[in-house]
Structures are given as C-alpha cells and as structure tokens.
Amino acid sequence: MIIYNTLQGRPMANAITDVPGIKVGHAQDIEGGTGCTVIICEKGAVTGVDVRGSAPATRELALLDPVNKIEKAHAIYLGGGSAYGLDGAGGVMQYLEEHKIGFDTFAGILVPIVPGAALYDLPFGKVDVRPDKKMGYAACENASEDNREQGNVGAGTAATVGKLVGPFSMMKGGLGTASYTSGDLVIGALVVVNCVGDVLDSKGNIIAGALNKQRNGFADTMKVLSSQPAKIKELFAENTTLGVIATNARLTKSSATKVAMASHDGYARAINPVHTMEDGDIIFCMSTGDVDINLTTLGAIAAQVMAQAIENAVKSADSLYGIPGYKEIANIK
C-alpha cells in the first residue's frame, strides 16, 4: 500500500526530506558493521519525544520535556554501537558549531541542541567498531535535502529483526523513510528497524521476522509466544527501533510530544510484538513550519506514515553478514 494514495494526498519523493528545512545524512562502516544517521534542521525545529521501549540508550532527552526551557533542536542523531555509539553526536555538534548553528548562549557562544539515541548492533562486523565523533561529522557532511537512501545505510547498516528464537532465526532490518503531503501540509518519517518482533505489511502479513528451523518459512513470533508462554525465559535482549517524524505543521513542544506518542501506533501496526522489555523504542517529532492542522488528524496520519517507513525499511534491506534480507526470502509464504 502506498500511503499517500490511501490518504488522498499528493506524492513527492516519499522521504522525510520532503519536509521543508529537513536534511538527512548517513555514514557507515560496512566492514565494521555499524553506522549513524543525522536529521538536521539548520533553523531549529520544535521537537518532542516519546520513549516506549524499556531499554533505551539516549542523550539530551530531558531538554525535550515540555516543561523545560529549550524549544528547538538543530539535529537528531541516530546511531548503532549501543551506548558507545552515542559518541557520534559529538561530531554532529562539532559540525553544527563550525557552521554557526546552535542555541545562542551568554557571550554569543552557540551550543547546538542534538538529542539522540542508539541501537544495539555490536555482534556484527567488528565488535570494537562503533560510531564515533568522526563518523557523526561525516554523516553531517553527507546530509542533503535530496537524501532518500534506505536499507543498509547509516544507523540501519547492521539492524536486524525477528530475534525471539535466537540469532540464527533473524532477518535483516534497516533504515526506511516515507512521506505524506496534501495541500501545504507535509509529514515525513524516518525509522531504523532493529526489533525483536516480526515486521508486518499493511494487511497484517509477516514480511520479515523470525524464521523457522528449516529457514523456509516464518516461525511467527506471536504464535511462539502464545503457544508456550511458560517456556519463554529470555528473549534476544539487544534491540530497538528508532524513529523520527518531521512536519511543517505548527507545533509546540507539548503537541510535538503528543504527535510522537501517536506515531507509536505506527510501530504497533507494523511490528509485533513491539515496545518489549528488550526494545528501546523511541520516536522524535520535529516541527519546521507554520501550517495549521488538527492535532488528532496529524497524529493519525503520522502513525500511518511511520508504519509505511517501517515496511520500506525491511523491503529495502539486502542480505548482509550472512543474515537474509527481504528480497532473498520474499517468496516465503
């Protein structure tokens, strides 16, 4: 399903960069098995966040609380490398400072506001390679308003899905993006899918997830969980889906937070199970413009765009590190 047709909008590039003022950049080390992604708004974007997973690795989220002072973020950083990978945000700050982008503090000293989050991809490639300041800086150098890359790029380089029954059942996850536009309104989503659960299409069919022992079909994570709940002692504990909604709708910090909350419905439609004790699921929401729209409408559409971005992520991810991608198993029923 193409979301902008369903919602009677007008298609553009079907990427978060359709939102005016948004740039996206990626950097990755394929051999090292990790990467990072930056979503930049040079003029600053009113930003909110909602954390639903129980194992988040984050930075600067307290600033986004609606009761706190800072109104705008200048970039969102998403990285691999687990908590180590948060170091990459230092490179984003360096780049923004050099380009005179940031919050103007006392004596004219600029401090870029760069909230961020990281996912766990340490078992792939080289365990001692993680996003660092240099990689974060490189992602900013690669940023553009035309970026629509998907799959095994940036923070999605070593993302995986479907890990309930162990690492040998998993499939390749990745990075996806999508957008919706109608009239002056634009809503975009970018997501890195690295979940313990299965990924579903718009009809509820599993399109990526835990494979069965023969690797010729899906195990169906929820069927496994519900058929033997007492036997499930531990799940594959290192996961996380990281998402960003961007829009040119006029939002306050509190309404941006509400849109981030509503967008988790997109996670719930496309990932099953979701928001587990083993996932650090997060969604940021960035507002760059002044288009007026009902908040309920905005949140509902944002959730559908997010679900489409999740589907795009796994469909764009090629096999890597011996882990099969969607295209390799697309004929599995």
C-alpha atoms as a PDB file:
ATOM      1  CA  MET A   1       0.000   0.000   0.000  1.00  0.00           C
ATOM      2  CA  ILE A   2       1.249   3.493  -0.861  1.00  0.00           C
ATOM      3  CA  ILE A   3       0.136   5.694   1.980  1.00  0.00           C
ATOM      4  CA  TYR A   4      -0.317   8.941   0.087  1.00  0.00           C
ATOM      5  CA  ASN A   5      -2.760   7.303  -2.316  1.00  0.00           C
ATOM      6  CA  THR A   6      -4.784   5.810   0.544  1.00  0.00           C
ATOM      7  CA  LEU A   7      -4.997   9.164   2.287  1.00  0.00           C
ATOM      8  CA  GLN A   8      -5.718  11.069  -0.928  1.00  0.00           C
ATOM      9  CA  GLY A   9      -2.581  13.158  -0.684  1.00  0.00           C
ATOM     10  CA  ARG A  10      -0.160  14.250  -3.371  1.00  0.00           C
ATOM     11  CA  PRO A  11       3.037  12.131  -3.720  1.00  0.00           C
ATOM     12  CA  MET A  12       6.505  13.669  -3.686  1.00  0.00           C
ATOM     13  CA  ALA A  13       9.771  11.770  -3.127  1.00  0.00           C
ATOM     14  CA  ASN A  14       8.217   9.658  -0.350  1.00  0.00           C
ATOM     15  CA  ALA A  15      11.001  10.602   2.063  1.00  0.00           C
ATOM     16  CA  ILE A  16      11.342  12.637   5.239  1.00  0.00           C
ATOM     17  CA  THR A  17      13.368  15.155   3.243  1.00  0.00           C
ATOM     18  CA  ASP A  18      10.126  16.199   1.541  1.00  0.00           C
ATOM     19  CA  VAL A  19       9.565  18.279   4.692  1.00  0.00           C
ATOM     20  CA  PRO A  20      10.939  21.804   4.091  1.00  0.00           C
ATOM     21  CA  GLY A  21      14.088  22.501   6.097  1.00  0.00           C
ATOM     22  CA  ILE A  22      14.993  18.861   6.751  1.00  0.00           C
ATOM     23  CA  LYS A  23      18.322  17.363   5.674  1.00  0.00           C
ATOM     24  CA  VAL A  24      19.383  13.744   6.179  1.00  0.00           C
ATOM     25  CA  GLY A  25      22.884  12.306   6.135  1.00  0.00           C
ATOM     26  CA  HIS A  26      24.341   8.853   6.714  1.00  0.00           C
ATOM     27  CA  ALA A  27      27.769   7.427   7.410  1.00  0.00           C
ATOM     28  CA  GLN A  28      28.595   3.761   7.843  1.00  0.00           C
ATOM     29  CA  ASP A  29      31.398   1.226   8.120  1.00  0.00           C
ATOM     30  CA  ILE A  30      30.134  -1.909   6.355  1.00  0.00           C
ATOM     31  CA  GLU A  31      33.165  -3.969   7.394  1.00  0.00           C
ATOM     32  CA  GLY A  32      32.864  -2.695  10.955  1.00  0.00           C
ATOM     33  CA  GLY A  33      29.139  -3.427  10.984  1.00  0.00           C
ATOM     34  CA  THR A  34      27.713  -0.130  12.168  1.00  0.00           C
ATOM     35  CA  GLY A  35      26.729   3.392  11.138  1.00  0.00           C
ATOM     36  CA  CYS A  36      24.877   6.547  12.075  1.00  0.00           C
ATOM     37  CA  THR A  37      22.235   8.890  10.683  1.00  0.00           C
ATOM     38  CA  VAL A  38      21.609  12.566  11.284  1.00  0.00           C
ATOM     39  CA  ILE A  39      18.417  14.540  10.658  1.00  0.00           C
ATOM     40  CA  ILE A  40      19.333  18.231  10.523  1.00  0.00           C
ATOM     41  CA  CYS A  41      17.157  21.340  10.715  1.00  0.00           C
ATOM     42  CA  GLU A  42      19.553  24.266  10.457  1.00  0.00           C
ATOM     43  CA  LYS A  43      16.986  26.830  11.624  1.00  0.00           C
ATOM     44  CA  GLY A  44      15.955  24.629  14.528  1.00  0.00           C
ATOM     45  CA  ALA A  45      12.814  22.545  14.877  1.00  0.00           C
ATOM     46  CA  VAL A  46      10.369  22.461  17.766  1.00  0.00           C
ATOM     47  CA  THR A  47      10.943  18.921  18.993  1.00  0.00           C
ATOM     48  CA  GLY A  48       9.227  16.386  21.230  1.00  0.00           C
ATOM     49  CA  VAL A  49       9.973  12.762  22.034  1.00  0.00           C
ATOM     50  CA  ASP A  50       8.243   9.677  23.377  1.00  0.00           C
ATOM     51  CA  VAL A  51      10.035   6.595  24.709  1.00  0.00           C
ATOM     52  CA  ARG A  52       8.009   3.371  24.799  1.00  0.00           C
ATOM     53  CA  GLY A  53      10.717   0.713  24.876  1.00  0.00           C
ATOM     54  CA  SER A  54      12.283  -0.447  28.130  1.00  0.00           C
ATOM     55  CA  ALA A  55      15.958  -0.489  27.122  1.00  0.00           C
ATOM     56  CA  PRO A  56      16.763   2.949  25.638  1.00  0.00           C
ATOM     57  CA  ALA A  57      20.228   4.412  25.047  1.00  0.00           C
ATOM     58  CA  THR A  58      19.761   8.173  24.729  1.00  0.00           C
ATOM     59  CA  ARG A  59      21.193  11.678  25.113  1.00  0.00           C
ATOM     60  CA  GLU A  60      19.632  15.122  25.762  1.00  0.00           C
ATOM     61  CA  LEU A  61      16.074  13.819  26.059  1.00  0.00           C
ATOM     62  CA  ALA A  62      15.407  15.840  29.227  1.00  0.00           C
ATOM     63  CA  LEU A  63      15.718  19.032  27.184  1.00  0.00           C
ATOM     64  CA  LEU A  64      12.677  17.963  25.143  1.00  0.00           C
ATOM     65  CA  ASP A  65      10.384  17.789  28.158  1.00  0.00           C
ATOM     66  CA  PRO A  66       7.705  20.445  27.524  1.00  0.00           C
ATOM     67  CA  VAL A  67       8.325  21.979  30.982  1.00  0.00           C
ATOM     68  CA  ASN A  68      11.987  22.693  30.187  1.00  0.00           C
ATOM     69  CA  LYS A  69      13.435  25.796  28.550  1.00  0.00           C
ATOM     70  CA  ILE A  70      14.880  24.716  25.206  1.00  0.00           C
ATOM     71  CA  GLU A  71      12.271  24.918  22.441  1.00  0.00           C
ATOM     72  CA  LYS A  72      14.165  23.725  19.384  1.00  0.00           C
ATOM     73  CA  ALA A  73      16.629  21.031  18.384  1.00  0.00           C
ATOM     74  CA  HIS A  74      19.053  21.528  15.496  1.00  0.00           C
ATOM     75  CA  ALA A  75      19.576  17.854  14.720  1.00  0.00           C
ATOM     76  CA  ILE A  76      18.534  14.375  15.801  1.00  0.00           C
ATOM     77  CA  TYR A  77      21.296  11.774  15.959  1.00  0.00           C
ATOM     78  CA  LEU A  78      20.598   8.047  15.483  1.00  0.00           C
ATOM     79  CA  GLY A  79      23.450   5.582  15.793  1.00  0.00           C
ATOM     80  CA  GLY A  80      24.449   1.973  16.095  1.00  0.00           C
ATOM     81  CA  GLY A  81      27.022   0.797  18.621  1.00  0.00           C
ATOM     82  CA  SER A  82      24.694   0.641  21.629  1.00  0.00           C
ATOM     83  CA  ALA A  83      25.520   3.258  24.294  1.00  0.00           C
ATOM     84  CA  TYR A  84      29.054   3.555  22.878  1.00  0.00           C
ATOM     85  CA  GLY A  85      27.577   4.845  19.635  1.00  0.00           C
ATOM     86  CA  LEU A  86      26.213   7.974  21.316  1.00  0.00           C
ATOM     87  CA  ASP A  87      29.743   9.393  20.921  1.00  0.00           C
ATOM     88  CA  GLY A  88      28.865  10.115  17.286  1.00  0.00           C
ATOM     89  CA  ALA A  89      26.663  13.009  18.391  1.00  0.00           C
ATOM     90  CA  GLY A  90      29.837  14.886  19.342  1.00  0.00           C
ATOM     91  CA  GLY A  91      30.731  15.043  15.662  1.00  0.00           C
ATOM     92  CA  VAL A  92      27.291  16.429  14.866  1.00  0.00           C
ATOM     93  CA  MET A  93      27.797  19.163  17.448  1.00  0.00           C
ATOM     94  CA  GLN A  94      31.220  19.996  16.024  1.00  0.00           C
ATOM     95  CA  TYR A  95      29.822  20.275  12.502  1.00  0.00           C
ATOM     96  CA  LEU A  96      26.921  22.485  13.573  1.00  0.00           C
ATOM     97  CA  GLU A  97      29.167  24.714  15.662  1.00  0.00           C
ATOM     98  CA  GLU A  98      31.538  25.194  12.721  1.00  0.00           C
ATOM     99  CA  HIS A  99      28.538  26.203  10.606  1.00  0.00           C
ATOM    100  CA  LYS A 100      27.325  28.633  13.308  1.00  0.00           C
ATOM    101  CA  ILE A 101      24.193  26.636  14.078  1.00  0.00           C
ATOM    102  CA  GLY A 102      23.041  26.359  17.673  1.00  0.00           C
ATOM    103  CA  PHE A 103      21.329  27.860  20.693  1.00  0.00           C
ATOM    104  CA  ASP A 104      22.716  31.332  21.391  1.00  0.00           C
ATOM    105  CA  THR A 105      24.032  31.389  24.955  1.00  0.00           C
ATOM    106  CA  PHE A 106      25.771  34.063  27.035  1.00  0.00           C
ATOM    107  CA  ALA A 107      28.529  35.973  25.232  1.00  0.00           C
ATOM    108  CA  GLY A 108      27.286  34.748  21.863  1.00  0.00           C
ATOM    109  CA  ILE A 109      28.570  31.193  22.281  1.00  0.00           C
ATOM    110  CA  LEU A 110      26.451  28.770  20.243  1.00  0.00           C
ATOM    111  CA  VAL A 111      25.518  25.385  21.662  1.00  0.00           C
ATOM    112  CA  PRO A 112      23.906  23.010  19.114  1.00  0.00           C
ATOM    113  CA  ILE A 113      21.000  21.024  20.543  1.00  0.00           C
ATOM    114  CA  VAL A 114      21.390  17.423  19.396  1.00  0.00           C
ATOM    115  CA  PRO A 115      19.177  14.840  21.106  1.00  0.00           C
ATOM    116  CA  GLY A 116      19.900  11.294  20.064  1.00  0.00           C
ATOM    117  CA  ALA A 117      19.505   7.581  20.587  1.00  0.00           C
ATOM    118  CA  ALA A 118      21.419   4.420  19.752  1.00  0.00           C
ATOM    119  CA  LEU A 119      20.598   0.816  18.918  1.00  0.00           C
ATOM    120  CA  TYR A 120      22.462  -2.429  19.555  1.00  0.00           C
ATOM    121  CA  ASP A 121      24.407  -3.843  16.584  1.00  0.00           C
ATOM    122  CA  LEU A 122      27.653  -4.869  18.286  1.00  0.00           C
ATOM    123  CA  PRO A 123      27.732  -8.574  17.209  1.00  0.00           C
ATOM    124  CA  PHE A 124      28.153  -7.725  13.523  1.00  0.00           C
ATOM    125  CA  GLY A 125      31.317  -6.799  11.645  1.00  0.00           C
ATOM    126  CA  LYS A 126      33.941  -5.813  14.215  1.00  0.00           C
ATOM    127  CA  VAL A 127      32.818  -5.592  17.814  1.00  0.00           C
ATOM    128  CA  ASP A 128      35.232  -2.748  18.621  1.00  0.00           C
ATOM    129  CA  VAL A 129      33.996  -0.514  15.779  1.00  0.00           C
ATOM    130  CA  ARG A 130      31.274   1.909  16.872  1.00  0.00           C
ATOM    131  CA  PRO A 131      30.040   5.269  15.604  1.00  0.00           C
ATOM    132  CA  ASP A 132      32.351   7.973  16.908  1.00  0.00           C
ATOM    133  CA  LYS A 133      32.842  11.711  16.558  1.00  0.00           C
ATOM    134  CA  LYS A 134      34.451  11.304  13.141  1.00  0.00           C
ATOM    135  CA  MET A 135      31.564   9.224  11.812  1.00  0.00           C
ATOM    136  CA  GLY A 136      28.963  11.640  13.178  1.00  0.00           C
ATOM    137  CA  TYR A 137      30.762  14.522  11.470  1.00  0.00           C
ATOM    138  CA  ALA A 138      30.881  12.567   8.197  1.00  0.00           C
ATOM    139  CA  ALA A 139      27.123  11.952   8.351  1.00  0.00           C
ATOM    140  CA  CYS A 140      26.596  15.726   8.555  1.00  0.00           C
ATOM    141  CA  GLU A 141      28.913  16.297   5.581  1.00  0.00           C
ATOM    142  CA  ASN A 142      26.786  13.805   3.629  1.00  0.00           C
ATOM    143  CA  ALA A 143      23.498  15.457   4.600  1.00  0.00           C
ATOM    144  CA  SER A 144      21.244  16.856   1.898  1.00  0.00           C
ATOM    145  CA  GLU A 145      17.628  17.804   1.218  1.00  0.00           C
ATOM    146  CA  ASP A 146      17.503  15.154  -1.526  1.00  0.00           C
ATOM    147  CA  ASN A 147      18.581  12.142   0.535  1.00  0.00           C
ATOM    148  CA  ARG A 148      16.157   9.230   0.173  1.00  0.00           C
ATOM    149  CA  GLU A 149      18.525   6.296   0.832  1.00  0.00           C
ATOM    150  CA  GLN A 150      17.033   3.227   2.503  1.00  0.00           C
ATOM    151  CA  GLY A 151      18.085  -0.222   3.629  1.00  0.00           C
ATOM    152  CA  ASN A 152      21.608  -0.985   4.840  1.00  0.00           C
ATOM    153  CA  VAL A 153      22.681   2.629   5.364  1.00  0.00           C
ATOM    154  CA  GLY A 154      23.523   4.803   8.343  1.00  0.00           C
ATOM    155  CA  ALA A 155      22.136   3.577  11.645  1.00  0.00           C
ATOM    156  CA  GLY A 156      20.390   0.775   9.753  1.00  0.00           C
ATOM    157  CA  THR A 157      23.627  -0.793   8.497  1.00  0.00           C
ATOM    158  CA  ALA A 158      23.568  -3.776  10.866  1.00  0.00           C
ATOM    159  CA  ALA A 159      19.948  -3.611  12.070  1.00  0.00           C
ATOM    160  CA  THR A 160      18.153  -6.951  12.405  1.00  0.00           C
ATOM    161  CA  VAL A 161      14.612  -8.170  13.138  1.00  0.00           C
ATOM    162  CA  GLY A 162      12.858 -11.303  14.369  1.00  0.00           C
ATOM    163  CA  LYS A 163      15.133 -12.463  17.180  1.00  0.00           C
ATOM    164  CA  LEU A 164      12.739 -14.257  19.525  1.00  0.00           C
ATOM    165  CA  VAL A 165      14.006 -17.778  18.865  1.00  0.00           C
ATOM    166  CA  GLY A 166      17.684 -16.853  18.676  1.00  0.00           C
ATOM    167  CA  PRO A 167      20.209 -15.198  16.389  1.00  0.00           C
ATOM    168  CA  PHE A 168      20.043 -17.913  13.712  1.00  0.00           C
ATOM    169  CA  SER A 169      16.397 -17.089  13.018  1.00  0.00           C
ATOM    170  CA  MET A 170      16.823 -13.366  12.446  1.00  0.00           C
ATOM    171  CA  MET A 171      16.436 -11.395   9.242  1.00  0.00           C
ATOM    172  CA  LYS A 172      17.945  -8.134   8.079  1.00  0.00           C
ATOM    173  CA  GLY A 173      16.362  -4.918   9.281  1.00  0.00           C
ATOM    174  CA  GLY A 174      17.369  -1.487   8.058  1.00  0.00           C
ATOM    175  CA  LEU A 175      16.506   2.162   7.586  1.00  0.00           C
ATOM    176  CA  GLY A 176      13.331   3.340   5.879  1.00  0.00           C
ATOM    177  CA  THR A 177      11.590   6.588   5.071  1.00  0.00           C
ATOM    178  CA  ALA A 178       8.198   7.727   3.786  1.00  0.00           C
ATOM    179  CA  SER A 179       6.131  10.878   3.468  1.00  0.00           C
ATOM    180  CA  TYR A 180       2.618  12.233   3.017  1.00  0.00           C
ATOM    181  CA  THR A 181       1.610  15.573   1.541  1.00  0.00           C
ATOM    182  CA  SER A 182      -1.727  17.257   0.992  1.00  0.00           C
ATOM    183  CA  GLY A 183      -2.023  20.908   0.114  1.00  0.00           C
ATOM    184  CA  ASP A 184       0.610  22.751   2.122  1.00  0.00           C
ATOM    185  CA  LEU A 185       0.956  20.009   4.726  1.00  0.00           C
ATOM    186  CA  VAL A 186       3.916  17.618   4.645  1.00  0.00           C
ATOM    187  CA  ILE A 187       4.571  14.795   7.108  1.00  0.00           C
ATOM    188  CA  GLY A 188       7.682  12.631   6.823  1.00  0.00           C
ATOM    189  CA  ALA A 189       9.021   9.656   8.736  1.00  0.00           C
ATOM    190  CA  LEU A 190      12.432   8.054   9.040  1.00  0.00           C
ATOM    191  CA  VAL A 191      12.945   4.874  11.046  1.00  0.00           C
ATOM    192  CA  VAL A 192      15.664   2.366  11.863  1.00  0.00           C
ATOM    193  CA  VAL A 193      14.102  -1.069  12.382  1.00  0.00           C
ATOM    194  CA  ASN A 194      16.053  -3.299  14.781  1.00  0.00           C
ATOM    195  CA  CYS A 195      13.251  -5.075  16.655  1.00  0.00           C
ATOM    196  CA  VAL A 196      12.839  -8.366  18.468  1.00  0.00           C
ATOM    197  CA  GLY A 197       9.426  -8.818  16.834  1.00  0.00           C
ATOM    198  CA  ASP A 198       8.211  -9.556  13.318  1.00  0.00           C
ATOM    199  CA  VAL A 199       7.511  -6.830  10.752  1.00  0.00           C
ATOM    200  CA  LEU A 200       4.052  -6.747   9.141  1.00  0.00           C
ATOM    201  CA  ASP A 201       2.729  -5.159   5.980  1.00  0.00           C
ATOM    202  CA  SER A 202      -0.451  -3.081   5.807  1.00  0.00           C
ATOM    203  CA  LYS A 203      -2.573  -6.256   5.543  1.00  0.00           C
ATOM    204  CA  GLY A 204      -1.078  -7.783   8.686  1.00  0.00           C
ATOM    205  CA  ASN A 205       1.099 -10.308   6.832  1.00  0.00           C
ATOM    206  CA  ILE A 206       4.590 -11.038   8.156  1.00  0.00           C
ATOM    207  CA  ILE A 207       7.145  -9.796   5.639  1.00  0.00           C
ATOM    208  CA  ALA A 208      10.263 -10.088   7.813  1.00  0.00           C
ATOM    209  CA  GLY A 209      10.912 -11.721  11.147  1.00  0.00           C
ATOM    210  CA  ALA A 210      11.930 -14.891  12.926  1.00  0.00           C
ATOM    211  CA  LEU A 211      12.454 -17.772  10.520  1.00  0.00           C
ATOM    212  CA  ASN A 212      11.557 -21.346  11.385  1.00  0.00           C
ATOM    213  CA  LYS A 213      14.191 -24.033  11.998  1.00  0.00           C
ATOM    214  CA  GLN A 214      14.177 -25.045   8.333  1.00  0.00           C
ATOM    215  CA  ARG A 215      14.552 -21.395   7.317  1.00  0.00           C
ATOM    216  CA  ASN A 216      11.872 -21.937   4.688  1.00  0.00           C
ATOM    217  CA  GLY A 217       9.090 -20.010   6.415  1.00  0.00           C
ATOM    218  CA  PHE A 218       8.316 -17.725   9.329  1.00  0.00           C
ATOM    219  CA  ALA A 219       8.175 -19.017  12.896  1.00  0.00           C
ATOM    220  CA  ASP A 220       5.536 -16.349  13.721  1.00  0.00           C
ATOM    221  CA  THR A 221       6.814 -14.725  16.886  1.00  0.00           C
ATOM    222  CA  MET A 222       3.387 -14.189  18.456  1.00  0.00           C
ATOM    223  CA  LYS A 223       2.386 -17.793  17.766  1.00  0.00           C
ATOM    224  CA  VAL A 224       5.547 -18.991  19.514  1.00  0.00           C
ATOM    225  CA  LEU A 225       4.946 -16.678  22.474  1.00  0.00           C
ATOM    226  CA  SER A 226       1.289 -17.587  22.906  1.00  0.00           C
ATOM    227  CA  SER A 227       1.708 -21.347  22.400  1.00  0.00           C
ATOM    228  CA  GLN A 228       4.332 -21.810  25.097  1.00  0.00           C
ATOM    229  CA  PRO A 229       4.443 -18.701  27.302  1.00  0.00           C
ATOM    230  CA  ALA A 230       5.823 -20.509  30.356  1.00  0.00           C
ATOM    231  CA  LYS A 231       8.816 -21.771  28.346  1.00  0.00           C
ATOM    232  CA  ILE A 232       9.938 -18.337  27.184  1.00  0.00           C
ATOM    233  CA  LYS A 233      12.527 -17.371  29.793  1.00  0.00           C
ATOM    234  CA  GLU A 234      14.773 -14.975  27.922  1.00  0.00           C
ATOM    235  CA  LEU A 235      14.484 -13.115  24.654  1.00  0.00           C
ATOM    236  CA  PHE A 236      17.297 -11.849  22.450  1.00  0.00           C
ATOM    237  CA  ALA A 237      17.893  -8.791  24.608  1.00  0.00           C
ATOM    238  CA  GLU A 238      19.545  -6.258  22.325  1.00  0.00           C
ATOM    239  CA  ASN A 239      17.063  -4.467  20.072  1.00  0.00           C
ATOM    240  CA  THR A 240      15.499  -1.029  19.467  1.00  0.00           C
ATOM    241  CA  THR A 241      13.506   0.763  16.764  1.00  0.00           C
ATOM    242  CA  LEU A 242      14.360   4.450  16.417  1.00  0.00           C
ATOM    243  CA  GLY A 243      12.043   6.821  14.555  1.00  0.00           C
ATOM    244  CA  VAL A 244      11.682  10.484  13.621  1.00  0.00           C
ATOM    245  CA  ILE A 245       8.529  12.245  12.441  1.00  0.00           C
ATOM    246  CA  ALA A 246       9.073  15.617  10.760  1.00  0.00           C
ATOM    247  CA  THR A 247       6.359  18.000   9.631  1.00  0.00           C
ATOM    248  CA  ASN A 248       5.818  21.585   8.567  1.00  0.00           C
ATOM    249  CA  ALA A 249       2.740  21.750  10.803  1.00  0.00           C
ATOM    250  CA  ARG A 250       2.832  24.361  13.558  1.00  0.00           C
ATOM    251  CA  LEU A 251       3.550  22.588  16.860  1.00  0.00           C
ATOM    252  CA  THR A 252       4.549  23.444  20.409  1.00  0.00           C
ATOM    253  CA  LYS A 253       6.839  21.159  22.399  1.00  0.00           C
ATOM    254  CA  SER A 254       3.830  19.599  24.100  1.00  0.00           C
ATOM    255  CA  SER A 255       1.942  18.998  20.831  1.00  0.00           C
ATOM    256  CA  ALA A 256       5.120  17.647  19.184  1.00  0.00           C
ATOM    257  CA  THR A 257       5.380  15.236  22.090  1.00  0.00           C
ATOM    258  CA  LYS A 258       1.757  14.215  21.529  1.00  0.00           C
ATOM    259  CA  VAL A 259       2.438  13.521  17.847  1.00  0.00           C
ATOM    260  CA  ALA A 260       5.460  11.411  18.818  1.00  0.00           C
ATOM    261  CA  MET A 261       3.181   9.457  21.151  1.00  0.00           C
ATOM    262  CA  ALA A 262       0.533   8.953  18.461  1.00  0.00           C
ATOM    263  CA  SER A 263       3.180   7.836  15.957  1.00  0.00           C
ATOM    264  CA  HIS A 264       3.933   4.799  18.102  1.00  0.00           C
ATOM    265  CA  ASP A 265       0.635   3.438  16.759  1.00  0.00           C
ATOM    266  CA  GLY A 266       2.578   3.028  13.511  1.00  0.00           C
ATOM    267  CA  TYR A 267       5.105   0.873  15.349  1.00  0.00           C
ATOM    268  CA  ALA A 268       2.262  -1.213  16.767  1.00  0.00           C
ATOM    269  CA  ARG A 269       0.714  -1.770  13.330  1.00  0.00           C
ATOM    270  CA  ALA A 270       3.977  -2.800  11.691  1.00  0.00           C
ATOM    271  CA  ILE A 271       5.888  -4.616  14.476  1.00  0.00           C
ATOM    272  CA  ASN A 272       4.588  -7.498  16.598  1.00  0.00           C
ATOM    273  CA  PRO A 273       5.369  -7.703  19.474  1.00  0.00           C
ATOM    274  CA  VAL A 274       6.504  -4.117  19.999  1.00  0.00           C
ATOM    275  CA  HIS A 275       7.660  -1.965  22.953  1.00  0.00           C
ATOM    276  CA  THR A 276       9.022  -5.024  24.741  1.00  0.00           C
ATOM    277  CA  MET A 277      11.362  -5.179  27.718  1.00  0.00           C
ATOM    278  CA  GLU A 278      14.116  -5.957  25.193  1.00  0.00           C
ATOM    279  CA  ASP A 279      13.458  -2.954  22.896  1.00  0.00           C
ATOM    280  CA  GLY A 280      14.424   0.687  23.427  1.00  0.00           C
ATOM    281  CA  ASP A 281      11.762   2.066  21.078  1.00  0.00           C
ATOM    282  CA  ILE A 282      11.754   5.850  20.653  1.00  0.00           C
ATOM    283  CA  ILE A 283      10.104   8.383  18.331  1.00  0.00           C
ATOM    284  CA  PHE A 284      11.126  12.033  17.971  1.00  0.00           C
ATOM    285  CA  CYS A 285       8.847  14.633  16.354  1.00  0.00           C
ATOM    286  CA  MET A 286      10.242  17.765  14.672  1.00  0.00           C
ATOM    287  CA  SER A 287       8.150  20.758  13.577  1.00  0.00           C
ATOM    288  CA  THR A 288       9.701  23.068  10.985  1.00  0.00           C
ATOM    289  CA  GLY A 289       6.793  25.205   9.785  1.00  0.00           C
ATOM    290  CA  ASP A 290       3.548  27.015  10.460  1.00  0.00           C
ATOM    291  CA  VAL A 291       0.829  25.013   8.693  1.00  0.00           C
ATOM    292  CA  ASP A 292      -2.242  24.727  10.908  1.00  0.00           C
ATOM    293  CA  ILE A 293      -3.831  21.288  11.285  1.00  0.00           C
ATOM    294  CA  ASN A 294      -5.932  19.478  13.855  1.00  0.00           C
ATOM    295  CA  LEU A 295      -3.616  17.571  16.211  1.00  0.00           C
ATOM    296  CA  THR A 296      -5.680  14.388  16.120  1.00  0.00           C
ATOM    297  CA  THR A 297      -5.528  14.346  12.321  1.00  0.00           C
ATOM    298  CA  LEU A 298      -1.810  14.990  12.326  1.00  0.00           C
ATOM    299  CA  GLY A 299      -1.104  12.198  14.802  1.00  0.00           C
ATOM    300  CA  ALA A 300      -3.266   9.702  12.928  1.00  0.00           C
ATOM    301  CA  ILE A 301      -1.570  10.380   9.593  1.00  0.00           C
ATOM    302  CA  ALA A 302       1.896  10.393  11.186  1.00  0.00           C
ATOM    303  CA  ALA A 303       1.263   6.885  12.555  1.00  0.00           C
ATOM    304  CA  GLN A 304       0.399   5.593   9.086  1.00  0.00           C
ATOM    305  CA  VAL A 305       3.442   7.250   7.517  1.00  0.00           C
ATOM    306  CA  MET A 306       5.620   5.666  10.219  1.00  0.00           C
ATOM    307  CA  ALA A 307       4.153   2.228   9.502  1.00  0.00           C
ATOM    308  CA  GLN A 308       4.929   2.693   5.801  1.00  0.00           C
ATOM    309  CA  ALA A 309       8.525   3.717   6.606  1.00  0.00           C
ATOM    310  CA  ILE A 310       8.955   0.522   8.653  1.00  0.00           C
ATOM    311  CA  GLU A 311       7.734  -1.588   5.733  1.00  0.00           C
ATOM    312  CA  ASN A 312      10.052   0.309   3.376  1.00  0.00           C
ATOM    313  CA  ALA A 313      12.989  -0.308   5.712  1.00  0.00           C
ATOM    314  CA  VAL A 314      12.833  -4.105   5.611  1.00  0.00           C
ATOM    315  CA  LYS A 315      11.904  -4.275   1.929  1.00  0.00           C
ATOM    316  CA  SER A 316      14.965  -2.151   1.092  1.00  0.00           C
ATOM    317  CA  ALA A 317      17.416  -4.122   3.236  1.00  0.00           C
ATOM    318  CA  ASP A 318      19.661  -6.530   1.346  1.00  0.00           C
ATOM    319  CA  SER A 319      21.194  -9.651   2.875  1.00  0.00           C
ATOM    320  CA  LEU A 320      24.340  -8.824   4.857  1.00  0.00           C
ATOM    321  CA  TYR A 321      26.620 -10.515   7.406  1.00  0.00           C
ATOM    322  CA  GLY A 322      25.061 -13.834   6.475  1.00  0.00           C
ATOM    323  CA  ILE A 323      21.625 -12.563   7.511  1.00  0.00           C
ATOM    324  CA  PRO A 324      18.915 -12.905   4.834  1.00  0.00           C
ATOM    325  CA  GLY A 325      17.076  -9.819   3.656  1.00  0.00           C
ATOM    326  CA  TYR A 326      13.509  -9.432   2.413  1.00  0.00           C
ATOM    327  CA  LYS A 327      14.398  -9.919  -1.255  1.00  0.00           C
ATOM    328  CA  GLU A 328      16.073 -13.245  -0.502  1.00  0.00           C
ATOM    329  CA  ILE A 329      13.006 -14.692   1.224  1.00  0.00           C
ATOM    330  CA  ALA A 330      10.218 -12.759  -0.496  1.00  0.00           C
ATOM    331  CA  ASN A 331       8.736 -15.991  -1.832  1.00  0.00           C
ATOM    332  CA  ILE A 332       8.246 -17.440   1.655  1.00  0.00           C
ATOM    333  CA  LYS A 333       4.570 -17.924   2.456  1.00  0.00           C
END
